[in-house]
PDB file of N, CA and C in Angstrom:
ATOM      1  N   MET A   1     -44.046 -54.228  10.364  1.00  0.00           N
ATOM      2  CA  MET A   1     -45.209 -53.747   9.645  1.00  0.00           C
ATOM      3  C   MET A   1     -44.769 -52.968   8.405  1.00  0.00           C
ATOM      4  N   GLN A   2     -45.693 -52.843   7.512  1.00  0.00           N
ATOM      5  CA  GLN A   2     -45.446 -52.121   6.269  1.00  0.00           C
ATOM      6  C   GLN A   2     -46.252 -50.829   6.269  1.00  0.00           C
ATOM      7  N   ARG A   3     -45.823 -49.854   5.466  1.00  0.00           N
ATOM      8  CA  ARG A   3     -46.512 -48.566   5.388  1.00  0.00           C
ATOM      9  C   ARG A   3     -47.331 -48.523   4.113  1.00  0.00           C
ATOM     10  N   VAL A   4     -48.596 -48.158   4.245  1.00  0.00           N
ATOM     11  CA  VAL A   4     -49.472 -47.890   3.110  1.00  0.00           C
ATOM     12  C   VAL A   4     -50.045 -46.499   3.327  1.00  0.00           C
ATOM     13  N   THR A   5     -49.855 -45.629   2.352  1.00  0.00           N
ATOM     14  CA  THR A   5     -50.387 -44.270   2.440  1.00  0.00           C
ATOM     15  C   THR A   5     -51.183 -43.971   1.176  1.00  0.00           C
ATOM     16  N   LEU A   6     -52.392 -43.483   1.356  1.00  0.00           N
ATOM     17  CA  LEU A   6     -53.259 -43.066   0.259  1.00  0.00           C
ATOM     18  C   LEU A   6     -53.574 -41.591   0.476  1.00  0.00           C
ATOM     19  N   VAL A   7     -53.287 -40.761  -0.522  1.00  0.00           N
ATOM     20  CA  VAL A   7     -53.551 -39.325  -0.432  1.00  0.00           C
ATOM     21  C   VAL A   7     -54.448 -38.935  -1.594  1.00  0.00           C
ATOM     22  N   ARG A   8     -55.501 -38.203  -1.280  1.00  0.00           N
ATOM     23  CA  ARG A   8     -56.487 -37.808  -2.293  1.00  0.00           C
ATOM     24  C   ARG A   8     -56.791 -36.318  -2.145  1.00  0.00           C
ATOM     25  N   TYR A   9     -56.874 -35.609  -3.292  1.00  0.00           N
ATOM     26  CA  TYR A   9     -57.175 -34.181  -3.269  1.00  0.00           C
ATOM     27  C   TYR A   9     -57.647 -33.730  -4.642  1.00  0.00           C
ATOM     28  N   THR A  10     -58.174 -32.510  -4.691  1.00  0.00           N
ATOM     29  CA  THR A  10     -58.611 -31.916  -5.947  1.00  0.00           C
ATOM     30  C   THR A  10     -57.820 -30.641  -6.195  1.00  0.00           C
ATOM     31  N   ALA A  11     -57.176 -30.569  -7.343  1.00  0.00           N
ATOM     32  CA  ALA A  11     -56.388 -29.392  -7.708  1.00  0.00           C
ATOM     33  C   ALA A  11     -57.297 -28.341  -8.331  1.00  0.00           C
ATOM     34  N   LYS A  12     -56.880 -27.098  -8.219  1.00  0.00           N
ATOM     35  CA  LYS A  12     -57.572 -26.020  -8.926  1.00  0.00           C
ATOM     36  C   LYS A  12     -57.397 -26.281 -10.418  1.00  0.00           C
ATOM     37  N   PRO A  13     -58.427 -26.004 -11.226  1.00  0.00           N
ATOM     38  CA  PRO A  13     -58.305 -26.284 -12.669  1.00  0.00           C
ATOM     39  C   PRO A  13     -57.069 -25.668 -13.308  1.00  0.00           C
ATOM     40  N   GLU A  14     -56.724 -24.460 -12.895  1.00  0.00           N
ATOM     41  CA  GLU A  14     -55.566 -23.784 -13.484  1.00  0.00           C
ATOM     42  C   GLU A  14     -54.230 -24.321 -12.946  1.00  0.00           C
ATOM     43  N   CYS A  15     -54.281 -25.181 -11.942  1.00  0.00           N
ATOM     44  CA  CYS A  15     -53.063 -25.728 -11.338  1.00  0.00           C
ATOM     45  C   CYS A  15     -52.879 -27.219 -11.593  1.00  0.00           C
ATOM     46  N   ALA A  16     -53.855 -27.861 -12.224  1.00  0.00           N
ATOM     47  CA  ALA A  16     -53.806 -29.315 -12.386  1.00  0.00           C
ATOM     48  C   ALA A  16     -52.599 -29.774 -13.198  1.00  0.00           C
ATOM     49  N   GLU A  17     -52.281 -29.091 -14.280  1.00  0.00           N
ATOM     50  CA  GLU A  17     -51.136 -29.495 -15.107  1.00  0.00           C
ATOM     51  C   GLU A  17     -49.821 -29.291 -14.364  1.00  0.00           C
ATOM     52  N   GLU A  18     -49.701 -28.179 -13.658  1.00  0.00           N
ATOM     53  CA  GLU A  18     -48.499 -27.935 -12.858  1.00  0.00           C
ATOM     54  C   GLU A  18     -48.354 -29.011 -11.779  1.00  0.00           C
ATOM     55  N   ASN A  19     -49.462 -29.347 -11.139  1.00  0.00           N
ATOM     56  CA  ASN A  19     -49.437 -30.372 -10.102  1.00  0.00           C
ATOM     57  C   ASN A  19     -48.990 -31.718 -10.671  1.00  0.00           C
ATOM     58  N   GLU A  20     -49.512 -32.054 -11.850  1.00  0.00           N
ATOM     59  CA  GLU A  20     -49.103 -33.311 -12.478  1.00  0.00           C
ATOM     60  C   GLU A  20     -47.611 -33.289 -12.812  1.00  0.00           C
ATOM     61  N   ALA A  21     -47.123 -32.177 -13.342  1.00  0.00           N
ATOM     62  CA  ALA A  21     -45.700 -32.080 -13.691  1.00  0.00           C
ATOM     63  C   ALA A  21     -44.819 -32.217 -12.453  1.00  0.00           C
ATOM     64  N   LEU A  22     -45.194 -31.572 -11.355  1.00  0.00           N
ATOM     65  CA  LEU A  22     -44.431 -31.690 -10.118  1.00  0.00           C
ATOM     66  C   LEU A  22     -44.474 -33.124  -9.591  1.00  0.00           C
ATOM     67  N   SER A  23     -45.622 -33.767  -9.708  1.00  0.00           N
ATOM     68  CA  SER A  23     -45.756 -35.162  -9.276  1.00  0.00           C
ATOM     69  C   SER A  23     -44.900 -36.082 -10.124  1.00  0.00           C
ATOM     70  N   ARG A  24     -44.890 -35.873 -11.430  1.00  0.00           N
ATOM     71  CA  ARG A  24     -44.102 -36.725 -12.321  1.00  0.00           C
ATOM     72  C   ARG A  24     -42.600 -36.569 -12.077  1.00  0.00           C
ATOM     73  N   ALA A  25     -42.177 -35.392 -11.624  1.00  0.00           N
ATOM     74  CA  ALA A  25     -40.771 -35.189 -11.284  1.00  0.00           C
ATOM     75  C   ALA A  25     -40.360 -36.102 -10.132  1.00  0.00           C
ATOM     76  N   VAL A  26     -41.293 -36.376  -9.231  1.00  0.00           N
ATOM     77  CA  VAL A  26     -41.018 -37.294  -8.125  1.00  0.00           C
ATOM     78  C   VAL A  26     -40.721 -38.686  -8.686  1.00  0.00           C
ATOM     79  N   PHE A  27     -41.499 -39.113  -9.680  1.00  0.00           N
ATOM     80  CA  PHE A  27     -41.277 -40.438 -10.276  1.00  0.00           C
ATOM     81  C   PHE A  27     -39.922 -40.516 -10.959  1.00  0.00           C
ATOM     82  N   ALA A  28     -39.505 -39.443 -11.616  1.00  0.00           N
ATOM     83  CA  ALA A  28     -38.193 -39.439 -12.267  1.00  0.00           C
ATOM     84  C   ALA A  28     -37.092 -39.609 -11.233  1.00  0.00           C
ATOM     85  N   GLU A  29     -37.208 -38.913 -10.105  1.00  0.00           N
ATOM     86  CA  GLU A  29     -36.185 -39.036  -9.068  1.00  0.00           C
ATOM     87  C   GLU A  29     -36.240 -40.409  -8.397  1.00  0.00           C
ATOM     88  N   LEU A  30     -37.445 -40.938  -8.199  1.00  0.00           N
ATOM     89  CA  LEU A  30     -37.586 -42.281  -7.633  1.00  0.00           C
ATOM     90  C   LEU A  30     -36.927 -43.319  -8.532  1.00  0.00           C
ATOM     91  N   ARG A  31     -37.166 -43.216  -9.831  1.00  0.00           N
ATOM     92  CA  ARG A  31     -36.560 -44.168 -10.768  1.00  0.00           C
ATOM     93  C   ARG A  31     -35.036 -44.087 -10.722  1.00  0.00           C
ATOM     94  N   ALA A  32     -34.504 -42.886 -10.586  1.00  0.00           N
ATOM     95  CA  ALA A  32     -33.055 -42.723 -10.520  1.00  0.00           C
ATOM     96  C   ALA A  32     -32.494 -43.281  -9.202  1.00  0.00           C
ATOM     97  N   ALA A  33     -33.203 -43.056  -8.112  1.00  0.00           N
ATOM     98  CA  ALA A  33     -32.749 -43.537  -6.804  1.00  0.00           C
ATOM     99  C   ALA A  33     -32.996 -45.034  -6.637  1.00  0.00           C
ATOM    100  N   ALA A  34     -34.050 -45.538  -7.256  1.00  0.00           N
ATOM    101  CA  ALA A  34     -34.423 -46.960  -7.230  1.00  0.00           C
ATOM    102  C   ALA A  34     -34.408 -47.574  -5.830  1.00  0.00           C
ATOM    103  N   PRO A  35     -35.172 -46.990  -4.897  1.00  0.00           N
ATOM    104  CA  PRO A  35     -35.195 -47.588  -3.562  1.00  0.00           C
ATOM    105  C   PRO A  35     -35.847 -48.969  -3.600  1.00  0.00           C
ATOM    106  N   ASP A  36     -35.318 -49.869  -2.801  1.00  0.00           N
ATOM    107  CA  ASP A  36     -35.870 -51.219  -2.723  1.00  0.00           C
ATOM    108  C   ASP A  36     -37.169 -51.227  -1.927  1.00  0.00           C
ATOM    109  N   ASN A  37     -38.027 -52.174  -2.254  1.00  0.00           N
ATOM    110  CA  ASN A  37     -39.225 -52.471  -1.468  1.00  0.00           C
ATOM    111  C   ASN A  37     -40.210 -51.318  -1.353  1.00  0.00           C
ATOM    112  N   VAL A  38     -40.278 -50.497  -2.394  1.00  0.00           N
ATOM    113  CA  VAL A  38     -41.192 -49.357  -2.399  1.00  0.00           C
ATOM    114  C   VAL A  38     -42.005 -49.381  -3.685  1.00  0.00           C
ATOM    115  N   ALA A  39     -43.291 -49.046  -3.557  1.00  0.00           N
ATOM    116  CA  ALA A  39     -44.151 -48.865  -4.731  1.00  0.00           C
ATOM    117  C   ALA A  39     -44.862 -47.531  -4.578  1.00  0.00           C
ATOM    118  N   TYR A  40     -45.060 -46.845  -5.700  1.00  0.00           N
ATOM    119  CA  TYR A  40     -45.710 -45.537  -5.663  1.00  0.00           C
ATOM    120  C   TYR A  40     -46.518 -45.386  -6.939  1.00  0.00           C
ATOM    121  N   GLY A  41     -47.748 -44.961  -6.806  1.00  0.00           N
ATOM    122  CA  GLY A  41     -48.615 -44.768  -7.966  1.00  0.00           C
ATOM    123  C   GLY A  41     -49.308 -43.425  -7.915  1.00  0.00           C
ATOM    124  N   LEU A  42     -49.539 -42.845  -9.082  1.00  0.00           N
ATOM    125  CA  LEU A  42     -50.250 -41.584  -9.226  1.00  0.00           C
ATOM    126  C   LEU A  42     -51.427 -41.819 -10.154  1.00  0.00           C
ATOM    127  N   PHE A  43     -52.603 -41.388  -9.718  1.00  0.00           N
ATOM    128  CA  PHE A  43     -53.823 -41.538 -10.502  1.00  0.00           C
ATOM    129  C   PHE A  43     -54.464 -40.158 -10.648  1.00  0.00           C
ATOM    130  N   ARG A  44     -55.127 -39.949 -11.790  1.00  0.00           N
ATOM    131  CA  ARG A  44     -55.765 -38.657 -12.028  1.00  0.00           C
ATOM    132  C   ARG A  44     -57.080 -38.851 -12.759  1.00  0.00           C
ATOM    133  N   ASN A  45     -58.079 -38.086 -12.335  1.00  0.00           N
ATOM    134  CA  ASN A  45     -59.366 -38.010 -13.016  1.00  0.00           C
ATOM    135  C   ASN A  45     -59.754 -36.540 -13.042  1.00  0.00           C
ATOM    136  N   GLY A  46     -59.492 -35.869 -14.159  1.00  0.00           N
ATOM    137  CA  GLY A  46     -59.732 -34.430 -14.233  1.00  0.00           C
ATOM    138  C   GLY A  46     -58.797 -33.697 -13.302  1.00  0.00           C
ATOM    139  N   GLU A  47     -59.361 -32.991 -12.328  1.00  0.00           N
ATOM    140  CA  GLU A  47     -58.553 -32.273 -11.348  1.00  0.00           C
ATOM    141  C   GLU A  47     -58.329 -33.084 -10.068  1.00  0.00           C
ATOM    142  N   GLU A  48     -58.914 -34.268  -9.987  1.00  0.00           N
ATOM    143  CA  GLU A  48     -58.750 -35.096  -8.801  1.00  0.00           C
ATOM    144  C   GLU A  48     -57.495 -35.969  -8.939  1.00  0.00           C
ATOM    145  N   PHE A  49     -56.683 -35.983  -7.886  1.00  0.00           N
ATOM    146  CA  PHE A  49     -55.457 -36.765  -7.855  1.00  0.00           C
ATOM    147  C   PHE A  49     -55.496 -37.733  -6.682  1.00  0.00           C
ATOM    148  N   VAL A  50     -54.928 -38.907  -6.901  1.00  0.00           N
ATOM    149  CA  VAL A  50     -54.787 -39.906  -5.850  1.00  0.00           C
ATOM    150  C   VAL A  50     -53.363 -40.452  -5.934  1.00  0.00           C
ATOM    151  N   HIS A  51     -52.676 -40.459  -4.807  1.00  0.00           N
ATOM    152  CA  HIS A  51     -51.329 -41.008  -4.700  1.00  0.00           C
ATOM    153  C   HIS A  51     -51.401 -42.232  -3.793  1.00  0.00           C
ATOM    154  N   LEU A  52     -50.719 -43.302  -4.177  1.00  0.00           N
ATOM    155  CA  LEU A  52     -50.647 -44.510  -3.370  1.00  0.00           C
ATOM    156  C   LEU A  52     -49.177 -44.865  -3.165  1.00  0.00           C
ATOM    157  N   PHE A  53     -48.766 -44.917  -1.908  1.00  0.00           N
ATOM    158  CA  PHE A  53     -47.389 -45.267  -1.560  1.00  0.00           C
ATOM    159  C   PHE A  53     -47.409 -46.513  -0.694  1.00  0.00           C
ATOM    160  N   VAL A  54     -46.512 -47.457  -1.001  1.00  0.00           N
ATOM    161  CA  VAL A  54     -46.370 -48.664  -0.194  1.00  0.00           C
ATOM    162  C   VAL A  54     -44.891 -48.898   0.068  1.00  0.00           C
ATOM    163  N   ASN A  55     -44.556 -49.121   1.325  1.00  0.00           N
ATOM    164  CA  ASN A  55     -43.222 -49.568   1.711  1.00  0.00           C
ATOM    165  C   ASN A  55     -43.404 -50.998   2.201  1.00  0.00           C
ATOM    166  N   PHE A  56     -42.871 -51.952   1.461  1.00  0.00           N
ATOM    167  CA  PHE A  56     -43.063 -53.367   1.759  1.00  0.00           C
ATOM    168  C   PHE A  56     -42.184 -53.854   2.909  1.00  0.00           C
ATOM    169  N   GLU A  57     -41.249 -53.036   3.337  1.00  0.00           N
ATOM    170  CA  GLU A  57     -40.265 -53.467   4.317  1.00  0.00           C
ATOM    171  C   GLU A  57     -40.475 -52.855   5.699  1.00  0.00           C
ATOM    172  N   ALA A  58     -40.923 -51.608   5.761  1.00  0.00           N
ATOM    173  CA  ALA A  58     -40.995 -50.918   7.050  1.00  0.00           C
ATOM    174  C   ALA A  58     -42.134 -49.904   7.064  1.00  0.00           C
ATOM    175  N   ASP A  59     -42.528 -49.524   8.261  1.00  0.00           N
ATOM    176  CA  ASP A  59     -43.550 -48.498   8.444  1.00  0.00           C
ATOM    177  C   ASP A  59     -42.873 -47.135   8.354  1.00  0.00           C
ATOM    178  N   ASP A  60     -42.461 -46.768   7.141  1.00  0.00           N
ATOM    179  CA  ASP A  60     -41.642 -45.581   6.921  1.00  0.00           C
ATOM    180  C   ASP A  60     -41.874 -45.075   5.499  1.00  0.00           C
ATOM    181  N   SER A  61     -41.958 -43.772   5.343  1.00  0.00           N
ATOM    182  CA  SER A  61     -42.157 -43.202   4.007  1.00  0.00           C
ATOM    183  C   SER A  61     -40.986 -42.332   3.564  1.00  0.00           C
ATOM    184  N   SER A  62     -39.881 -42.362   4.281  1.00  0.00           N
ATOM    185  CA  SER A  62     -38.768 -41.465   3.973  1.00  0.00           C
ATOM    186  C   SER A  62     -38.145 -41.710   2.598  1.00  0.00           C
ATOM    187  N   ALA A  63     -38.271 -42.921   2.057  1.00  0.00           N
ATOM    188  CA  ALA A  63     -37.747 -43.176   0.704  1.00  0.00           C
ATOM    189  C   ALA A  63     -38.402 -42.245  -0.306  1.00  0.00           C
ATOM    190  N   LEU A  64     -39.601 -41.785   0.002  1.00  0.00           N
ATOM    191  CA  LEU A  64     -40.329 -40.846  -0.855  1.00  0.00           C
ATOM    192  C   LEU A  64     -40.219 -39.421  -0.328  1.00  0.00           C
ATOM    193  N   THR A  65     -40.548 -39.234   0.940  1.00  0.00           N
ATOM    194  CA  THR A  65     -40.679 -37.878   1.480  1.00  0.00           C
ATOM    195  C   THR A  65     -39.367 -37.124   1.602  1.00  0.00           C
ATOM    196  N   GLU A  66     -38.227 -37.819   1.588  1.00  0.00           N
ATOM    197  CA  GLU A  66     -36.935 -37.146   1.678  1.00  0.00           C
ATOM    198  C   GLU A  66     -36.375 -36.743   0.318  1.00  0.00           C
ATOM    199  N   LEU A  67     -37.047 -37.116  -0.771  1.00  0.00           N
ATOM    200  CA  LEU A  67     -36.593 -36.724  -2.104  1.00  0.00           C
ATOM    201  C   LEU A  67     -36.769 -35.220  -2.303  1.00  0.00           C
ATOM    202  N   ALA A  68     -35.809 -34.586  -2.944  1.00  0.00           N
ATOM    203  CA  ALA A  68     -35.899 -33.150  -3.222  1.00  0.00           C
ATOM    204  C   ALA A  68     -37.126 -32.840  -4.064  1.00  0.00           C
ATOM    205  N   SER A  69     -37.432 -33.686  -5.028  1.00  0.00           N
ATOM    206  CA  SER A  69     -38.602 -33.454  -5.893  1.00  0.00           C
ATOM    207  C   SER A  69     -39.906 -33.571  -5.108  1.00  0.00           C
ATOM    208  N   PHE A  70     -39.965 -34.457  -4.119  1.00  0.00           N
ATOM    209  CA  PHE A  70     -41.172 -34.578  -3.307  1.00  0.00           C
ATOM    210  C   PHE A  70     -41.337 -33.343  -2.424  1.00  0.00           C
ATOM    211  N   LYS A  71     -40.230 -32.851  -1.892  1.00  0.00           N
ATOM    212  CA  LYS A  71     -40.292 -31.628  -1.089  1.00  0.00           C
ATOM    213  C   LYS A  71     -40.761 -30.449  -1.939  1.00  0.00           C
ATOM    214  N   ALA A  72     -40.297 -30.370  -3.187  1.00  0.00           N
ATOM    215  CA  ALA A  72     -40.728 -29.304  -4.093  1.00  0.00           C
ATOM    216  C   ALA A  72     -42.208 -29.448  -4.424  1.00  0.00           C
ATOM    217  N   TYR A  73     -42.657 -30.680  -4.677  1.00  0.00           N
ATOM    218  CA  TYR A  73     -44.070 -30.941  -4.960  1.00  0.00           C
ATOM    219  C   TYR A  73     -44.951 -30.552  -3.777  1.00  0.00           C
ATOM    220  N   SER A  74     -44.563 -30.961  -2.586  1.00  0.00           N
ATOM    221  CA  SER A  74     -45.423 -30.768  -1.421  1.00  0.00           C
ATOM    222  C   SER A  74     -45.353 -29.368  -0.823  1.00  0.00           C
ATOM    223  N   LYS A  75     -44.348 -28.589  -1.217  1.00  0.00           N
ATOM    224  CA  LYS A  75     -44.126 -27.262  -0.629  1.00  0.00           C
ATOM    225  C   LYS A  75     -45.378 -26.377  -0.677  1.00  0.00           C
ATOM    226  N   GLU A  76     -46.039 -26.310  -1.808  1.00  0.00           N
ATOM    227  CA  GLU A  76     -47.205 -25.432  -1.942  1.00  0.00           C
ATOM    228  C   GLU A  76     -48.419 -26.175  -2.482  1.00  0.00           C
ATOM    229  N   VAL A  77     -48.499 -27.467  -2.180  1.00  0.00           N
ATOM    230  CA  VAL A  77     -49.598 -28.268  -2.707  1.00  0.00           C
ATOM    231  C   VAL A  77     -50.957 -27.733  -2.248  1.00  0.00           C
ATOM    232  N   ILE A  78     -51.072 -27.256  -1.033  1.00  0.00           N
ATOM    233  CA  ILE A  78     -52.363 -26.751  -0.536  1.00  0.00           C
ATOM    234  C   ILE A  78     -52.822 -25.556  -1.370  1.00  0.00           C
ATOM    235  N   GLY A  79     -51.898 -24.714  -1.800  1.00  0.00           N
ATOM    236  CA  GLY A  79     -52.240 -23.567  -2.635  1.00  0.00           C
ATOM    237  C   GLY A  79     -52.703 -23.955  -4.029  1.00  0.00           C
ATOM    238  N   ARG A  80     -52.373 -25.170  -4.472  1.00  0.00           N
ATOM    239  CA  ARG A  80     -52.807 -25.640  -5.788  1.00  0.00           C
ATOM    240  C   ARG A  80     -54.144 -26.368  -5.736  1.00  0.00           C
ATOM    241  N   CYS A  81     -54.735 -26.477  -4.545  1.00  0.00           N
ATOM    242  CA  CYS A  81     -55.921 -27.326  -4.379  1.00  0.00           C
ATOM    243  C   CYS A  81     -57.187 -26.554  -4.053  1.00  0.00           C
ATOM    244  N   THR A  82     -58.306 -27.099  -4.525  1.00  0.00           N
ATOM    245  CA  THR A  82     -59.619 -26.626  -4.076  1.00  0.00           C
ATOM    246  C   THR A  82     -60.082 -27.493  -2.922  1.00  0.00           C
ATOM    247  N   GLN A  83     -59.658 -28.729  -2.916  1.00  0.00           N
ATOM    248  CA  GLN A  83     -59.904 -29.654  -1.811  1.00  0.00           C
ATOM    249  C   GLN A  83     -58.536 -30.125  -1.345  1.00  0.00           C
ATOM    250  N   PRO A  84     -58.149 -29.794  -0.105  1.00  0.00           N
ATOM    251  CA  PRO A  84     -56.793 -30.126   0.349  1.00  0.00           C
ATOM    252  C   PRO A  84     -56.548 -31.622   0.456  1.00  0.00           C
ATOM    253  N   PRO A  85     -55.279 -32.003   0.445  1.00  0.00           N
ATOM    254  CA  PRO A  85     -54.943 -33.416   0.540  1.00  0.00           C
ATOM    255  C   PRO A  85     -55.462 -34.053   1.828  1.00  0.00           C
ATOM    256  N   GLU A  86     -56.056 -35.216   1.668  1.00  0.00           N
ATOM    257  CA  GLU A  86     -56.481 -36.033   2.800  1.00  0.00           C
ATOM    258  C   GLU A  86     -55.652 -37.305   2.744  1.00  0.00           C
ATOM    259  N   ALA A  87     -54.855 -37.525   3.779  1.00  0.00           N
ATOM    260  CA  ALA A  87     -53.975 -38.691   3.807  1.00  0.00           C
ATOM    261  C   ALA A  87     -54.514 -39.740   4.758  1.00  0.00           C
ATOM    262  N   THR A  88     -54.465 -40.975   4.308  1.00  0.00           N
ATOM    263  CA  THR A  88     -54.756 -42.127   5.148  1.00  0.00           C
ATOM    264  C   THR A  88     -53.470 -42.935   5.228  1.00  0.00           C
ATOM    265  N   ARG A  89     -52.937 -43.069   6.440  1.00  0.00           N
ATOM    266  CA  ARG A  89     -51.701 -43.824   6.652  1.00  0.00           C
ATOM    267  C   ARG A  89     -52.014 -45.045   7.489  1.00  0.00           C
ATOM    268  N   LEU A  90     -51.559 -46.185   7.020  1.00  0.00           N
ATOM    269  CA  LEU A  90     -51.838 -47.438   7.697  1.00  0.00           C
ATOM    270  C   LEU A  90     -50.553 -48.235   7.884  1.00  0.00           C
ATOM    271  N   SER A  91     -50.439 -48.895   9.000  1.00  0.00           N
ATOM    272  CA  SER A  91     -49.372 -49.861   9.240  1.00  0.00           C
ATOM    273  C   SER A  91     -50.014 -51.234   9.112  1.00  0.00           C
ATOM    274  N   LEU A  92     -49.648 -51.944   8.065  1.00  0.00           N
ATOM    275  CA  LEU A  92     -50.300 -53.204   7.740  1.00  0.00           C
ATOM    276  C   LEU A  92     -49.283 -54.253   7.347  1.00  0.00           C
ATOM    277  N   GLN A  93     -49.760 -55.457   7.167  1.00  0.00           N
ATOM    278  CA  GLN A  93     -48.936 -56.529   6.614  1.00  0.00           C
ATOM    279  C   GLN A  93     -49.631 -57.027   5.353  1.00  0.00           C
ATOM    280  N   LEU A  94     -48.935 -56.956   4.209  1.00  0.00           N
ATOM    281  CA  LEU A  94     -49.476 -57.444   2.946  1.00  0.00           C
ATOM    282  C   LEU A  94     -49.580 -58.959   3.003  1.00  0.00           C
ATOM    283  N   LEU A  95     -50.779 -59.471   2.790  1.00  0.00           N
ATOM    284  CA  LEU A  95     -51.008 -60.907   2.804  1.00  0.00           C
ATOM    285  C   LEU A  95     -50.935 -61.523   1.421  1.00  0.00           C
ATOM    286  N   ASP A  96     -51.429 -60.776   0.428  1.00  0.00           N
ATOM    287  CA  ASP A  96     -51.469 -61.308  -0.930  1.00  0.00           C
ATOM    288  C   ASP A  96     -51.729 -60.152  -1.876  1.00  0.00           C
ATOM    289  N   SER A  97     -51.311 -60.274  -3.103  1.00  0.00           N
ATOM    290  CA  SER A  97     -51.573 -59.214  -4.080  1.00  0.00           C
ATOM    291  C   SER A  97     -51.419 -59.776  -5.480  1.00  0.00           C
ATOM    292  N   TYR A  98     -51.894 -59.008  -6.429  1.00  0.00           N
ATOM    293  CA  TYR A  98     -51.630 -59.293  -7.834  1.00  0.00           C
ATOM    294  C   TYR A  98     -51.101 -58.001  -8.424  1.00  0.00           C
ATOM    295  N   GLY A  99     -49.903 -58.014  -8.952  1.00  0.00           N
ATOM    296  CA  GLY A  99     -49.321 -56.848  -9.597  1.00  0.00           C
ATOM    297  C   GLY A  99     -48.748 -55.799  -8.641  1.00  0.00           C
ATOM    298  N   LEU A 100     -48.820 -56.056  -7.372  1.00  0.00           N
ATOM    299  CA  LEU A 100     -48.266 -55.146  -6.383  1.00  0.00           C
ATOM    300  C   LEU A 100     -47.216 -55.927  -5.609  1.00  0.00           C
ATOM    301  N   ARG A 101     -45.947 -55.609  -5.877  1.00  0.00           N
ATOM    302  CA  ARG A 101     -44.878 -56.396  -5.271  1.00  0.00           C
ATOM    303  C   ARG A 101     -43.631 -55.554  -5.123  1.00  0.00           C
ATOM    304  N   PRO A 102     -42.782 -55.913  -4.198  1.00  0.00           N
ATOM    305  CA  PRO A 102     -41.514 -55.185  -4.043  1.00  0.00           C
ATOM    306  C   PRO A 102     -40.684 -55.234  -5.312  1.00  0.00           C
ATOM    307  N   GLY A 103     -40.046 -54.121  -5.618  1.00  0.00           N
ATOM    308  CA  GLY A 103     -39.163 -54.074  -6.765  1.00  0.00           C
ATOM    309  C   GLY A 103     -39.869 -53.958  -8.097  1.00  0.00           C
ATOM    310  N   SER A 104     -41.214 -53.794  -8.108  1.00  0.00           N
ATOM    311  CA  SER A 104     -41.930 -53.663  -9.379  1.00  0.00           C
ATOM    312  C   SER A 104     -41.770 -52.260  -9.924  1.00  0.00           C
ATOM    313  N   ALA A 105     -41.708 -52.147 -11.225  1.00  0.00           N
ATOM    314  CA  ALA A 105     -41.544 -50.828 -11.843  1.00  0.00           C
ATOM    315  C   ALA A 105     -42.846 -50.354 -12.423  1.00  0.00           C
TER     316      ALA A 105
END
């Protein structure tokens, strides 16, 4: 099975830029580590953030969660939020997609 995780939350207005910067640091470390079979996306609308993580190979998120930058981001994320993170984790099998594929940058 594959791992799909969707996390959604609302940052405090005064913390939204800091939250985005901490999130973007995760992408820099991911690009440097270049784990195979992983996709990760960050979306923002004002103070609302949505993260989408996919592991195409296994029901595991450690390629992301073990990064030092992810640990730094998640350390005080609840304190930066007006609406705390709500995570949906699914073990699924990808049947078909457009633009979502292993090894995509």
